[in-house]
């Protein structure tokens, strides 16, 4: 039996597939591709798949990871190709390989938020983002198992960049991710919308996830 990791992209209309439906989608693709995937044991056996870090609904993911186990030898390229033949538009496997790190080691994610000129005053949005990030405290409410609680986002922001082009504002930011602390960029986006005074249209993409010392999760 061999553990394998599937790296895939989730984009376009597929970004509106929920995590639960994503689980079903991948299970169906593996079954239709007739791949030798290990089934769990017990009263209700099912294909064994786990996801490293579930993606929020409506977000594009350029580096998503799913783990499974093979019961027979098959080339990683063949597994990738057979899965892609069965996956819906917008979901594409880009690589299959043996896992290097555990999902428990994930610490950070890089997000890209793109604002477009046709919907927003980009100079105002850029100014408000810079103003918010320069503050000593960025207080927001975050949902937890015990209910809503106030947190200071400032302590979780380690690095970011802003680029204003002719028709878009690109905001890249590193935020905590994983089992210990997980910060959704929508918390910061909500603070920006509150400062601007209106709802902002944006596309959010999770570009990559990392373990300690900025190493790419593999």
N, C-alpha and C. Protein backbone atom coordinates (compact mmCIF):
# COMPACT_ATOMS: atom_id res chain seq x y z
N UNK A 1 0.85 -1.19 0.00
CA UNK A 1 0.00 0.00 0.00
C UNK A 1 0.89 1.25 0.00
N UNK A 2 0.53 2.22 -0.83
CA UNK A 2 1.34 3.43 -0.96
C UNK A 2 0.49 4.68 -0.73
N UNK A 3 0.99 5.57 0.13
CA UNK A 3 0.32 6.86 0.32
C UNK A 3 0.67 7.79 -0.83
N UNK A 4 -0.32 8.49 -1.36
CA UNK A 4 -0.08 9.43 -2.46
C UNK A 4 -0.79 10.75 -2.17
N UNK A 5 -0.22 11.81 -2.70
CA UNK A 5 -0.80 13.14 -2.56
C UNK A 5 -1.15 13.68 -3.95
N UNK A 6 -2.36 14.19 -4.07
CA UNK A 6 -2.86 14.75 -5.33
C UNK A 6 -2.91 16.27 -5.19
N UNK A 7 -2.17 16.96 -6.03
CA UNK A 7 -2.21 18.43 -6.05
C UNK A 7 -3.09 18.85 -7.22
N UNK A 8 -4.07 19.71 -6.94
CA UNK A 8 -5.03 20.07 -7.99
C UNK A 8 -5.42 21.54 -7.92
N UNK A 9 -6.03 21.99 -9.00
CA UNK A 9 -6.54 23.36 -9.12
C UNK A 9 -8.06 23.33 -9.05
N UNK A 10 -8.63 24.32 -8.40
CA UNK A 10 -10.08 24.49 -8.35
C UNK A 10 -10.40 25.92 -8.76
N UNK A 11 -11.04 26.09 -9.92
CA UNK A 11 -11.25 27.43 -10.45
C UNK A 11 -12.58 27.51 -11.22
N UNK A 12 -12.86 28.72 -11.75
CA UNK A 12 -14.08 28.91 -12.53
C UNK A 12 -15.32 28.62 -11.72
N UNK A 13 -16.32 28.01 -12.35
CA UNK A 13 -17.57 27.70 -11.66
C UNK A 13 -17.38 26.66 -10.56
N UNK A 14 -16.31 25.89 -10.66
CA UNK A 14 -16.06 24.84 -9.67
C UNK A 14 -15.72 25.41 -8.29
N UNK A 15 -15.36 26.69 -8.23
CA UNK A 15 -15.05 27.27 -6.92
C UNK A 15 -16.29 27.38 -6.03
N UNK A 16 -17.47 27.18 -6.63
CA UNK A 16 -18.71 27.21 -5.85
C UNK A 16 -19.14 25.81 -5.41
N UNK A 17 -18.30 24.81 -5.61
CA UNK A 17 -18.55 23.48 -5.08
C UNK A 17 -18.14 23.47 -3.61
N UNK A 18 -19.04 23.09 -2.74
CA UNK A 18 -18.75 23.07 -1.31
C UNK A 18 -17.73 21.97 -1.00
N UNK A 19 -17.16 22.03 0.21
CA UNK A 19 -16.17 21.01 0.58
C UNK A 19 -16.78 19.62 0.62
N UNK A 20 -18.01 19.52 1.13
CA UNK A 20 -18.69 18.22 1.17
C UNK A 20 -18.89 17.67 -0.23
N UNK A 21 -19.34 18.53 -1.15
CA UNK A 21 -19.53 18.08 -2.54
C UNK A 21 -18.21 17.82 -3.23
N UNK A 22 -17.14 18.53 -2.80
CA UNK A 22 -15.81 18.28 -3.35
C UNK A 22 -15.35 16.88 -2.98
N UNK A 23 -15.66 16.47 -1.78
CA UNK A 23 -15.34 15.12 -1.33
C UNK A 23 -16.06 14.10 -2.22
N UNK A 24 -17.32 14.35 -2.49
CA UNK A 24 -18.09 13.44 -3.34
C UNK A 24 -17.56 13.44 -4.77
N UNK A 25 -17.19 14.63 -5.24
CA UNK A 25 -16.67 14.78 -6.61
C UNK A 25 -15.39 13.97 -6.80
N UNK A 26 -14.47 14.08 -5.85
CA UNK A 26 -13.21 13.36 -5.95
C UNK A 26 -13.43 11.85 -5.81
N UNK A 27 -14.32 11.45 -4.92
CA UNK A 27 -14.63 10.03 -4.75
C UNK A 27 -15.18 9.45 -6.05
N UNK A 28 -16.09 10.19 -6.67
CA UNK A 28 -16.68 9.72 -7.93
C UNK A 28 -15.64 9.64 -9.04
N UNK A 29 -14.75 10.63 -9.09
CA UNK A 29 -13.71 10.64 -10.13
C UNK A 29 -12.77 9.44 -9.97
N UNK A 30 -12.40 9.14 -8.73
CA UNK A 30 -11.51 8.00 -8.47
C UNK A 30 -12.20 6.68 -8.83
N UNK A 31 -13.50 6.60 -8.53
CA UNK A 31 -14.24 5.38 -8.86
C UNK A 31 -14.39 5.21 -10.37
N UNK A 32 -14.76 6.29 -11.06
CA UNK A 32 -14.96 6.22 -12.51
C UNK A 32 -13.66 5.97 -13.25
N UNK A 33 -12.54 6.46 -12.69
CA UNK A 33 -11.23 6.24 -13.30
C UNK A 33 -10.71 4.83 -13.04
N UNK A 34 -11.45 4.09 -12.19
CA UNK A 34 -11.09 2.70 -11.86
C UNK A 34 -9.65 2.58 -11.34
N UNK A 35 -9.34 3.46 -10.41
CA UNK A 35 -8.02 3.46 -9.80
C UNK A 35 -8.01 2.56 -8.56
N UNK A 36 -6.88 1.93 -8.28
CA UNK A 36 -6.80 1.00 -7.14
C UNK A 36 -6.63 1.72 -5.80
N UNK A 37 -7.73 2.34 -5.34
CA UNK A 37 -7.70 3.12 -4.11
C UNK A 37 -8.15 2.26 -2.93
N UNK A 38 -7.44 2.38 -1.83
CA UNK A 38 -7.77 1.61 -0.62
C UNK A 38 -9.10 2.07 -0.03
N UNK A 39 -9.91 1.11 0.41
CA UNK A 39 -11.17 1.39 1.09
C UNK A 39 -10.99 1.23 2.59
N UNK A 40 -11.65 2.08 3.35
CA UNK A 40 -11.63 1.95 4.80
C UNK A 40 -12.30 0.65 5.21
N UNK A 41 -11.97 0.18 6.41
CA UNK A 41 -12.57 -1.06 6.90
C UNK A 41 -13.68 -0.72 7.88
N UNK A 42 -14.49 -1.72 8.20
CA UNK A 42 -15.57 -1.50 9.14
C UNK A 42 -16.93 -1.75 8.54
N UNK A 43 -17.97 -1.23 9.21
CA UNK A 43 -19.35 -1.49 8.81
C UNK A 43 -19.71 -0.84 7.48
N UNK A 44 -19.14 0.34 7.23
CA UNK A 44 -19.48 1.09 6.01
C UNK A 44 -18.20 1.48 5.26
N UNK A 45 -17.57 0.55 4.54
CA UNK A 45 -16.31 0.85 3.84
C UNK A 45 -16.52 1.91 2.76
N UNK A 46 -15.54 2.81 2.62
CA UNK A 46 -15.59 3.81 1.57
C UNK A 46 -14.17 4.16 1.15
N UNK A 47 -14.05 4.80 0.00
CA UNK A 47 -12.73 5.20 -0.49
C UNK A 47 -12.05 6.12 0.52
N UNK A 48 -10.77 5.87 0.76
CA UNK A 48 -10.03 6.69 1.71
C UNK A 48 -9.46 7.92 1.01
N UNK A 49 -9.98 9.10 1.36
CA UNK A 49 -9.42 10.36 0.89
C UNK A 49 -9.48 11.39 2.02
N UNK A 50 -8.46 12.21 2.12
CA UNK A 50 -8.46 13.31 3.09
C UNK A 50 -7.90 14.56 2.41
N UNK A 51 -8.37 15.72 2.84
CA UNK A 51 -7.94 16.99 2.27
C UNK A 51 -7.06 17.72 3.28
N UNK A 52 -5.96 18.28 2.79
CA UNK A 52 -5.00 18.94 3.68
C UNK A 52 -5.59 20.17 4.36
N UNK A 53 -6.29 21.00 3.59
CA UNK A 53 -6.82 22.25 4.12
C UNK A 53 -8.03 22.67 3.29
N UNK A 54 -9.24 22.39 3.75
CA UNK A 54 -10.45 22.72 2.98
C UNK A 54 -10.47 24.18 2.56
N UNK A 55 -10.95 24.42 1.35
CA UNK A 55 -10.99 25.77 0.76
C UNK A 55 -12.37 26.38 0.97
N UNK A 56 -12.40 27.66 1.32
CA UNK A 56 -13.68 28.36 1.52
C UNK A 56 -14.48 28.41 0.23
N UNK A 57 -15.79 28.32 0.36
CA UNK A 57 -16.68 28.38 -0.79
C UNK A 57 -16.51 29.70 -1.53
N UNK A 58 -16.37 29.65 -2.85
CA UNK A 58 -16.24 30.85 -3.67
C UNK A 58 -14.80 31.29 -3.90
N UNK A 59 -13.83 30.58 -3.28
CA UNK A 59 -12.42 30.90 -3.47
C UNK A 59 -11.84 30.01 -4.57
N UNK A 60 -10.95 30.59 -5.38
CA UNK A 60 -10.17 29.80 -6.32
C UNK A 60 -8.98 29.21 -5.56
N UNK A 61 -8.61 27.99 -5.90
CA UNK A 61 -7.45 27.36 -5.29
C UNK A 61 -6.47 26.91 -6.35
N UNK A 62 -5.26 27.42 -6.28
CA UNK A 62 -4.24 27.05 -7.27
C UNK A 62 -3.29 25.97 -6.74
N UNK A 63 -3.41 25.62 -5.47
CA UNK A 63 -2.54 24.60 -4.87
C UNK A 63 -3.33 23.89 -3.78
N UNK A 64 -4.25 23.02 -4.22
CA UNK A 64 -5.06 22.25 -3.29
C UNK A 64 -4.51 20.83 -3.20
N UNK A 65 -4.68 20.20 -2.03
CA UNK A 65 -4.03 18.92 -1.80
C UNK A 65 -5.00 17.90 -1.21
N UNK A 66 -4.98 16.70 -1.77
CA UNK A 66 -5.79 15.59 -1.29
C UNK A 66 -4.91 14.35 -1.17
N UNK A 67 -5.05 13.62 -0.07
CA UNK A 67 -4.28 12.40 0.15
C UNK A 67 -5.16 11.16 0.00
N UNK A 68 -4.58 10.09 -0.51
CA UNK A 68 -5.27 8.81 -0.61
C UNK A 68 -4.22 7.70 -0.57
N UNK A 69 -4.65 6.44 -0.75
CA UNK A 69 -3.73 5.32 -0.72
C UNK A 69 -3.99 4.38 -1.88
N UNK A 70 -2.92 3.92 -2.49
CA UNK A 70 -3.01 2.97 -3.59
C UNK A 70 -2.76 1.56 -3.09
N UNK A 71 -3.56 0.62 -3.57
CA UNK A 71 -3.36 -0.78 -3.20
C UNK A 71 -2.53 -1.53 -4.23
N UNK A 72 -2.33 -0.91 -5.40
CA UNK A 72 -1.50 -1.51 -6.45
C UNK A 72 -0.61 -0.42 -7.05
N UNK A 73 0.47 -0.85 -7.65
CA UNK A 73 1.37 0.11 -8.30
C UNK A 73 0.74 0.66 -9.57
N UNK A 74 0.83 1.97 -9.74
CA UNK A 74 0.39 2.65 -10.94
C UNK A 74 1.23 3.92 -11.05
N UNK A 75 1.61 4.31 -12.23
CA UNK A 75 2.44 5.50 -12.36
C UNK A 75 1.65 6.74 -11.96
N UNK A 76 2.34 7.69 -11.36
CA UNK A 76 1.68 8.92 -10.93
C UNK A 76 1.11 9.70 -12.11
N UNK A 77 1.80 9.68 -13.24
CA UNK A 77 1.31 10.39 -14.42
C UNK A 77 0.01 9.76 -14.93
N UNK A 78 -0.06 8.43 -14.90
CA UNK A 78 -1.27 7.76 -15.35
C UNK A 78 -2.44 8.07 -14.42
N UNK A 79 -2.16 8.09 -13.12
CA UNK A 79 -3.21 8.42 -12.16
C UNK A 79 -3.73 9.83 -12.41
N UNK A 80 -2.82 10.78 -12.63
CA UNK A 80 -3.22 12.16 -12.92
C UNK A 80 -4.11 12.22 -14.16
N UNK A 81 -3.68 11.57 -15.23
CA UNK A 81 -4.41 11.63 -16.50
C UNK A 81 -5.78 10.97 -16.39
N UNK A 82 -5.86 9.85 -15.71
CA UNK A 82 -7.14 9.15 -15.59
C UNK A 82 -8.12 9.92 -14.72
N UNK A 83 -7.61 10.61 -13.70
CA UNK A 83 -8.49 11.45 -12.88
C UNK A 83 -9.00 12.64 -13.68
N UNK A 84 -8.12 13.28 -14.44
CA UNK A 84 -8.52 14.46 -15.21
C UNK A 84 -9.58 14.14 -16.26
N UNK A 85 -9.58 12.92 -16.75
CA UNK A 85 -10.60 12.51 -17.72
C UNK A 85 -11.99 12.47 -17.09
N UNK A 86 -12.05 12.30 -15.76
CA UNK A 86 -13.34 12.13 -15.08
C UNK A 86 -13.76 13.34 -14.24
N UNK A 87 -12.86 14.29 -14.04
CA UNK A 87 -13.19 15.45 -13.22
C UNK A 87 -13.95 16.50 -14.02
N UNK A 88 -14.81 17.28 -13.37
CA UNK A 88 -15.57 18.33 -14.07
C UNK A 88 -14.70 19.52 -14.45
N UNK A 89 -15.23 20.36 -15.31
CA UNK A 89 -14.53 21.57 -15.74
C UNK A 89 -14.18 22.44 -14.53
N UNK A 90 -12.95 22.92 -14.49
CA UNK A 90 -12.51 23.80 -13.41
C UNK A 90 -11.72 23.09 -12.33
N UNK A 91 -11.75 21.75 -12.32
CA UNK A 91 -10.95 20.99 -11.38
C UNK A 91 -9.94 20.17 -12.17
N UNK A 92 -8.67 20.40 -11.92
CA UNK A 92 -7.62 19.74 -12.70
C UNK A 92 -6.48 19.29 -11.80
N UNK A 93 -6.14 18.02 -11.89
CA UNK A 93 -5.00 17.48 -11.16
C UNK A 93 -3.73 17.88 -11.90
N UNK A 94 -2.79 18.51 -11.20
CA UNK A 94 -1.57 18.95 -11.86
C UNK A 94 -0.37 18.09 -11.48
N UNK A 95 -0.50 17.34 -10.36
CA UNK A 95 0.63 16.51 -9.96
C UNK A 95 0.17 15.46 -8.95
N UNK A 96 0.77 14.27 -9.04
CA UNK A 96 0.56 13.20 -8.07
C UNK A 96 1.94 12.74 -7.60
N UNK A 97 2.11 12.59 -6.30
CA UNK A 97 3.43 12.22 -5.78
C UNK A 97 3.28 11.65 -4.37
N UNK A 98 4.36 11.12 -3.82
CA UNK A 98 4.35 10.63 -2.45
C UNK A 98 4.46 11.81 -1.49
N UNK A 99 3.66 11.85 -0.42
CA UNK A 99 3.67 12.98 0.51
C UNK A 99 5.03 13.16 1.19
N UNK A 100 5.38 14.42 1.41
CA UNK A 100 6.62 14.74 2.12
C UNK A 100 6.30 15.21 3.54
N UNK A 101 5.33 16.12 3.66
CA UNK A 101 4.97 16.69 4.96
C UNK A 101 3.57 16.27 5.38
N UNK A 102 3.32 16.34 6.67
CA UNK A 102 2.00 16.06 7.20
C UNK A 102 1.14 17.33 7.17
N UNK A 103 -0.17 17.21 6.90
CA UNK A 103 -1.05 18.38 6.96
C UNK A 103 -1.00 19.10 8.30
N UNK A 104 -0.64 18.36 9.37
CA UNK A 104 -0.53 19.00 10.69
C UNK A 104 0.60 20.02 10.77
N UNK A 105 1.51 19.99 9.77
CA UNK A 105 2.63 20.92 9.76
C UNK A 105 2.29 22.25 9.07
N UNK A 106 1.15 22.33 8.44
CA UNK A 106 0.77 23.56 7.72
C UNK A 106 0.64 24.72 8.70
N UNK A 107 1.23 25.86 8.33
CA UNK A 107 1.21 27.04 9.21
C UNK A 107 0.68 28.30 8.53
N UNK A 108 0.87 28.41 7.22
CA UNK A 108 0.57 29.68 6.54
C UNK A 108 -0.02 29.42 5.15
N UNK A 109 -0.83 30.37 4.69
CA UNK A 109 -1.35 30.33 3.32
C UNK A 109 -1.16 31.70 2.68
N UNK A 110 -0.89 31.69 1.39
CA UNK A 110 -0.78 32.93 0.62
C UNK A 110 -2.07 33.13 -0.17
N UNK A 111 -2.71 34.29 0.07
CA UNK A 111 -3.95 34.63 -0.64
C UNK A 111 -3.70 35.83 -1.56
N UNK A 112 -4.41 35.82 -2.68
CA UNK A 112 -4.39 36.96 -3.59
C UNK A 112 -5.82 37.45 -3.75
N UNK A 113 -6.03 38.73 -3.42
CA UNK A 113 -7.34 39.36 -3.57
C UNK A 113 -7.24 40.40 -4.68
N UNK A 114 -8.07 40.25 -5.71
CA UNK A 114 -8.02 41.16 -6.86
C UNK A 114 -9.30 41.98 -6.91
N UNK A 115 -9.12 43.31 -6.90
CA UNK A 115 -10.23 44.26 -7.06
C UNK A 115 -10.16 44.82 -8.48
N UNK A 116 -11.32 44.98 -9.13
CA UNK A 116 -11.33 45.43 -10.53
C UNK A 116 -11.85 46.86 -10.65
N UNK A 117 -11.31 47.59 -11.62
CA UNK A 117 -11.59 49.01 -11.81
C UNK A 117 -13.06 49.28 -12.10
N UNK A 118 -13.71 48.39 -12.85
CA UNK A 118 -15.09 48.65 -13.26
C UNK A 118 -16.07 48.64 -12.10
N UNK A 119 -15.67 48.06 -10.98
CA UNK A 119 -16.57 47.95 -9.84
C UNK A 119 -16.15 48.79 -8.63
N UNK A 120 -14.90 49.19 -8.58
CA UNK A 120 -14.38 49.85 -7.38
C UNK A 120 -13.52 51.07 -7.72
N UNK A 121 -13.44 52.01 -6.78
CA UNK A 121 -12.48 53.11 -6.85
C UNK A 121 -11.17 52.56 -6.29
N UNK A 122 -10.29 52.13 -7.19
CA UNK A 122 -9.10 51.39 -6.76
C UNK A 122 -8.16 52.22 -5.90
N UNK A 123 -8.03 53.49 -6.19
CA UNK A 123 -7.16 54.35 -5.38
C UNK A 123 -7.68 54.45 -3.95
N UNK A 124 -9.00 54.54 -3.82
CA UNK A 124 -9.61 54.61 -2.49
C UNK A 124 -9.41 53.29 -1.75
N UNK A 125 -9.64 52.19 -2.44
CA UNK A 125 -9.48 50.87 -1.81
C UNK A 125 -8.04 50.67 -1.35
N UNK A 126 -7.08 51.02 -2.21
CA UNK A 126 -5.66 50.88 -1.86
C UNK A 126 -5.33 51.72 -0.63
N UNK A 127 -5.83 52.95 -0.62
CA UNK A 127 -5.57 53.85 0.50
C UNK A 127 -6.14 53.30 1.81
N UNK A 128 -7.35 52.75 1.75
CA UNK A 128 -8.00 52.22 2.95
C UNK A 128 -7.26 50.97 3.46
N UNK A 129 -6.80 50.12 2.54
CA UNK A 129 -6.05 48.93 2.95
C UNK A 129 -4.77 49.33 3.66
N UNK A 130 -4.04 50.28 3.07
CA UNK A 130 -2.79 50.75 3.67
C UNK A 130 -3.05 51.38 5.03
N UNK A 131 -4.13 52.14 5.13
CA UNK A 131 -4.47 52.79 6.40
C UNK A 131 -4.78 51.75 7.48
N UNK A 132 -5.55 50.75 7.13
CA UNK A 132 -5.92 49.71 8.09
C UNK A 132 -4.68 48.92 8.54
N UNK A 133 -3.83 48.55 7.58
CA UNK A 133 -2.66 47.74 7.91
C UNK A 133 -1.61 48.50 8.71
N UNK A 134 -1.67 49.82 8.67
CA UNK A 134 -0.71 50.64 9.43
C UNK A 134 -1.12 50.82 10.89
N UNK A 135 -2.34 50.41 11.22
CA UNK A 135 -2.82 50.57 12.59
C UNK A 135 -2.16 49.57 13.53
N UNK A 136 -2.10 49.93 14.80
CA UNK A 136 -1.53 49.03 15.81
C UNK A 136 -2.45 47.85 16.10
N UNK A 137 -3.75 48.08 15.94
CA UNK A 137 -4.73 47.02 16.16
C UNK A 137 -5.73 46.99 15.02
N UNK A 138 -6.10 45.79 14.61
CA UNK A 138 -7.16 45.61 13.61
C UNK A 138 -8.16 44.64 14.23
N UNK A 139 -9.12 45.17 14.95
CA UNK A 139 -10.05 44.34 15.70
C UNK A 139 -11.23 43.91 14.82
N UNK A 140 -11.49 42.60 14.81
CA UNK A 140 -12.61 42.02 14.07
C UNK A 140 -13.25 40.94 14.92
N UNK A 141 -14.43 40.50 14.52
CA UNK A 141 -15.09 39.39 15.20
C UNK A 141 -14.91 38.12 14.39
N UNK A 142 -14.48 37.06 15.07
CA UNK A 142 -14.24 35.78 14.42
C UNK A 142 -15.10 34.71 15.09
N UNK A 143 -15.72 33.89 14.26
CA UNK A 143 -16.56 32.82 14.79
C UNK A 143 -15.69 31.70 15.32
N UNK A 144 -16.00 31.22 16.51
CA UNK A 144 -15.29 30.10 17.12
C UNK A 144 -16.30 29.07 17.60
N UNK A 145 -15.81 27.96 18.13
CA UNK A 145 -16.71 26.91 18.62
C UNK A 145 -17.56 27.41 19.78
N UNK A 146 -17.05 28.37 20.53
CA UNK A 146 -17.79 28.91 21.68
C UNK A 146 -18.61 30.15 21.32
N UNK A 147 -18.61 30.53 20.05
CA UNK A 147 -19.36 31.70 19.61
C UNK A 147 -18.44 32.76 19.00
N UNK A 148 -18.95 33.97 18.85
CA UNK A 148 -18.17 35.05 18.26
C UNK A 148 -17.20 35.62 19.30
N UNK A 149 -15.98 35.92 18.85
CA UNK A 149 -15.02 36.54 19.76
C UNK A 149 -14.22 37.60 19.03
N UNK A 150 -13.76 38.60 19.77
CA UNK A 150 -12.95 39.67 19.19
C UNK A 150 -11.50 39.23 19.11
N UNK A 151 -10.88 39.46 17.93
CA UNK A 151 -9.46 39.16 17.78
C UNK A 151 -8.77 40.34 17.11
N UNK A 152 -7.47 40.43 17.32
CA UNK A 152 -6.66 41.47 16.71
C UNK A 152 -5.94 40.88 15.50
N UNK A 153 -6.40 41.20 14.29
CA UNK A 153 -5.81 40.64 13.08
C UNK A 153 -4.36 41.05 12.89
N UNK A 154 -4.00 42.19 13.44
CA UNK A 154 -2.65 42.73 13.24
C UNK A 154 -1.57 41.72 13.62
N UNK A 155 -1.80 40.98 14.68
CA UNK A 155 -0.78 40.04 15.16
C UNK A 155 -0.58 38.86 14.21
N UNK A 156 -1.52 38.65 13.28
CA UNK A 156 -1.44 37.50 12.38
C UNK A 156 -0.92 37.87 10.98
N UNK A 157 -0.72 39.15 10.73
CA UNK A 157 -0.29 39.58 9.40
C UNK A 157 1.23 39.72 9.38
N UNK A 158 1.88 38.82 8.66
CA UNK A 158 3.35 38.81 8.65
C UNK A 158 3.93 39.51 7.42
N UNK A 159 3.23 39.40 6.28
CA UNK A 159 3.78 39.97 5.05
C UNK A 159 2.63 40.19 4.06
N UNK A 160 2.75 41.25 3.27
CA UNK A 160 1.73 41.52 2.25
C UNK A 160 2.32 42.43 1.18
N UNK A 161 1.61 42.55 0.06
CA UNK A 161 2.02 43.47 -1.01
C UNK A 161 0.77 44.00 -1.70
N UNK A 162 0.89 45.21 -2.23
CA UNK A 162 -0.20 45.85 -2.97
C UNK A 162 0.34 46.33 -4.31
N UNK A 163 -0.36 45.99 -5.39
CA UNK A 163 0.05 46.45 -6.72
C UNK A 163 -1.16 47.02 -7.44
N UNK A 164 -1.08 48.30 -7.81
CA UNK A 164 -2.17 48.97 -8.51
C UNK A 164 -1.83 49.06 -9.99
N UNK A 165 -2.58 48.34 -10.82
CA UNK A 165 -2.38 48.38 -12.27
C UNK A 165 -3.40 49.30 -12.92
N UNK A 166 -3.50 49.21 -14.23
CA UNK A 166 -4.40 50.11 -14.95
C UNK A 166 -5.87 49.78 -14.74
N UNK A 167 -6.18 48.51 -14.46
CA UNK A 167 -7.58 48.13 -14.31
C UNK A 167 -7.85 47.25 -13.10
N UNK A 168 -6.82 47.05 -12.25
CA UNK A 168 -7.03 46.19 -11.09
C UNK A 168 -6.06 46.51 -9.96
N UNK A 169 -6.47 46.16 -8.76
CA UNK A 169 -5.62 46.26 -7.58
C UNK A 169 -5.40 44.85 -7.06
N UNK A 170 -4.13 44.46 -6.99
CA UNK A 170 -3.79 43.10 -6.55
C UNK A 170 -3.20 43.18 -5.14
N UNK A 171 -3.85 42.51 -4.22
CA UNK A 171 -3.46 42.50 -2.82
C UNK A 171 -3.08 41.07 -2.43
N UNK A 172 -1.81 40.84 -2.13
CA UNK A 172 -1.35 39.52 -1.71
C UNK A 172 -1.00 39.57 -0.23
N UNK A 173 -1.43 38.55 0.48
CA UNK A 173 -1.20 38.55 1.93
C UNK A 173 -1.02 37.13 2.45
N UNK A 174 -0.07 36.98 3.38
CA UNK A 174 0.17 35.70 4.07
C UNK A 174 -0.62 35.70 5.37
N UNK A 175 -1.38 34.63 5.60
CA UNK A 175 -2.17 34.52 6.82
C UNK A 175 -2.01 33.13 7.44
N UNK A 176 -2.18 33.03 8.77
CA UNK A 176 -2.07 31.73 9.42
C UNK A 176 -3.10 30.74 8.87
N UNK A 177 -2.69 29.49 8.74
CA UNK A 177 -3.58 28.44 8.26
C UNK A 177 -3.21 27.14 8.95
N UNK A 178 -4.15 26.23 9.05
CA UNK A 178 -3.87 24.95 9.68
C UNK A 178 -4.72 24.70 10.90
N UNK A 179 -4.29 23.75 11.73
CA UNK A 179 -5.10 23.32 12.87
C UNK A 179 -5.07 24.29 14.04
N UNK A 180 -3.95 24.98 14.24
CA UNK A 180 -3.81 25.84 15.42
C UNK A 180 -4.55 27.16 15.25
N UNK A 181 -4.19 27.92 14.21
CA UNK A 181 -4.84 29.20 13.92
C UNK A 181 -5.15 29.24 12.42
N UNK A 182 -6.37 29.61 12.10
CA UNK A 182 -6.76 29.70 10.70
C UNK A 182 -7.50 31.03 10.49
N UNK A 183 -6.89 31.93 9.74
CA UNK A 183 -7.48 33.25 9.51
C UNK A 183 -7.96 33.36 8.07
N UNK A 184 -9.24 33.61 7.90
CA UNK A 184 -9.82 33.76 6.57
C UNK A 184 -9.64 35.21 6.11
N UNK A 185 -9.19 35.43 4.87
CA UNK A 185 -9.00 36.81 4.39
C UNK A 185 -10.29 37.61 4.34
N UNK A 186 -11.45 36.93 4.40
CA UNK A 186 -12.72 37.66 4.40
C UNK A 186 -12.87 38.54 5.63
N UNK A 187 -12.16 38.18 6.72
CA UNK A 187 -12.20 39.01 7.92
C UNK A 187 -11.58 40.38 7.66
N UNK A 188 -10.45 40.39 6.96
CA UNK A 188 -9.79 41.64 6.62
C UNK A 188 -10.57 42.38 5.54
N UNK A 189 -11.11 41.63 4.58
CA UNK A 189 -11.91 42.24 3.51
C UNK A 189 -13.12 42.95 4.09
N UNK A 190 -13.74 42.35 5.09
CA UNK A 190 -14.89 42.98 5.74
C UNK A 190 -14.51 44.29 6.40
N UNK A 191 -13.31 44.33 6.97
CA UNK A 191 -12.82 45.56 7.61
C UNK A 191 -12.60 46.64 6.55
N UNK A 192 -12.07 46.25 5.39
CA UNK A 192 -11.86 47.21 4.30
C UNK A 192 -13.20 47.74 3.79
N UNK A 193 -14.18 46.86 3.62
CA UNK A 193 -15.50 47.28 3.14
C UNK A 193 -16.16 48.24 4.13
N UNK A 194 -15.97 47.97 5.40
CA UNK A 194 -16.50 48.86 6.44
C UNK A 194 -15.87 50.23 6.33
N UNK A 195 -14.58 50.29 6.04
CA UNK A 195 -13.87 51.56 5.94
C UNK A 195 -14.26 52.32 4.66
N UNK A 196 -14.43 51.57 3.56
CA UNK A 196 -14.81 52.20 2.28
C UNK A 196 -16.26 52.65 2.31
N UNK A 197 -17.10 51.88 3.00
CA UNK A 197 -18.50 52.25 3.12
C UNK A 197 -19.41 51.54 2.13
N UNK A 198 -18.91 50.49 1.50
CA UNK A 198 -19.74 49.75 0.56
C UNK A 198 -19.16 48.35 0.36
N UNK A 199 -19.97 47.47 -0.21
CA UNK A 199 -19.49 46.13 -0.51
C UNK A 199 -18.58 46.17 -1.73
N UNK A 200 -17.47 45.47 -1.66
CA UNK A 200 -16.49 45.47 -2.75
C UNK A 200 -16.53 44.14 -3.50
N UNK A 201 -16.48 44.21 -4.82
CA UNK A 201 -16.38 42.99 -5.62
C UNK A 201 -14.92 42.61 -5.74
N UNK A 202 -14.62 41.35 -5.45
CA UNK A 202 -13.23 40.90 -5.54
C UNK A 202 -13.18 39.41 -5.84
N UNK A 203 -12.07 38.97 -6.39
CA UNK A 203 -11.79 37.55 -6.58
C UNK A 203 -10.70 37.16 -5.59
N UNK A 204 -10.93 36.07 -4.86
CA UNK A 204 -9.96 35.61 -3.87
C UNK A 204 -9.40 34.26 -4.29
N UNK A 205 -8.08 34.17 -4.33
CA UNK A 205 -7.40 32.93 -4.71
C UNK A 205 -6.41 32.53 -3.62
N UNK A 206 -6.48 31.27 -3.23
CA UNK A 206 -5.42 30.76 -2.36
C UNK A 206 -4.32 30.24 -3.27
N UNK A 207 -3.17 30.90 -3.23
CA UNK A 207 -2.09 30.62 -4.17
C UNK A 207 -1.24 29.42 -3.75
N UNK A 208 -0.98 29.29 -2.44
CA UNK A 208 -0.12 28.21 -1.96
C UNK A 208 -0.25 28.11 -0.45
N UNK A 209 0.13 26.96 0.10
CA UNK A 209 0.19 26.80 1.55
C UNK A 209 1.60 26.36 1.94
N UNK A 210 1.98 26.69 3.18
CA UNK A 210 3.37 26.52 3.61
C UNK A 210 3.43 25.90 5.00
N UNK A 211 4.58 25.26 5.28
CA UNK A 211 4.87 24.78 6.63
C UNK A 211 5.83 25.79 7.27
N UNK A 212 6.54 25.39 8.30
CA UNK A 212 7.44 26.30 9.01
C UNK A 212 8.54 26.83 8.10
N UNK A 213 9.01 28.02 8.42
CA UNK A 213 10.11 28.68 7.70
C UNK A 213 9.79 28.93 6.23
N UNK A 214 8.51 29.02 5.90
CA UNK A 214 8.11 29.35 4.55
C UNK A 214 8.33 28.28 3.51
N UNK A 215 8.49 27.03 3.94
CA UNK A 215 8.66 25.93 3.00
C UNK A 215 7.30 25.56 2.39
N UNK A 216 7.29 25.38 1.07
CA UNK A 216 6.05 25.00 0.39
C UNK A 216 5.61 23.61 0.85
N UNK A 217 4.35 23.46 1.16
CA UNK A 217 3.80 22.17 1.55
C UNK A 217 3.87 21.20 0.38
N UNK A 218 4.41 20.03 0.62
CA UNK A 218 4.54 19.00 -0.44
C UNK A 218 4.14 17.63 0.12
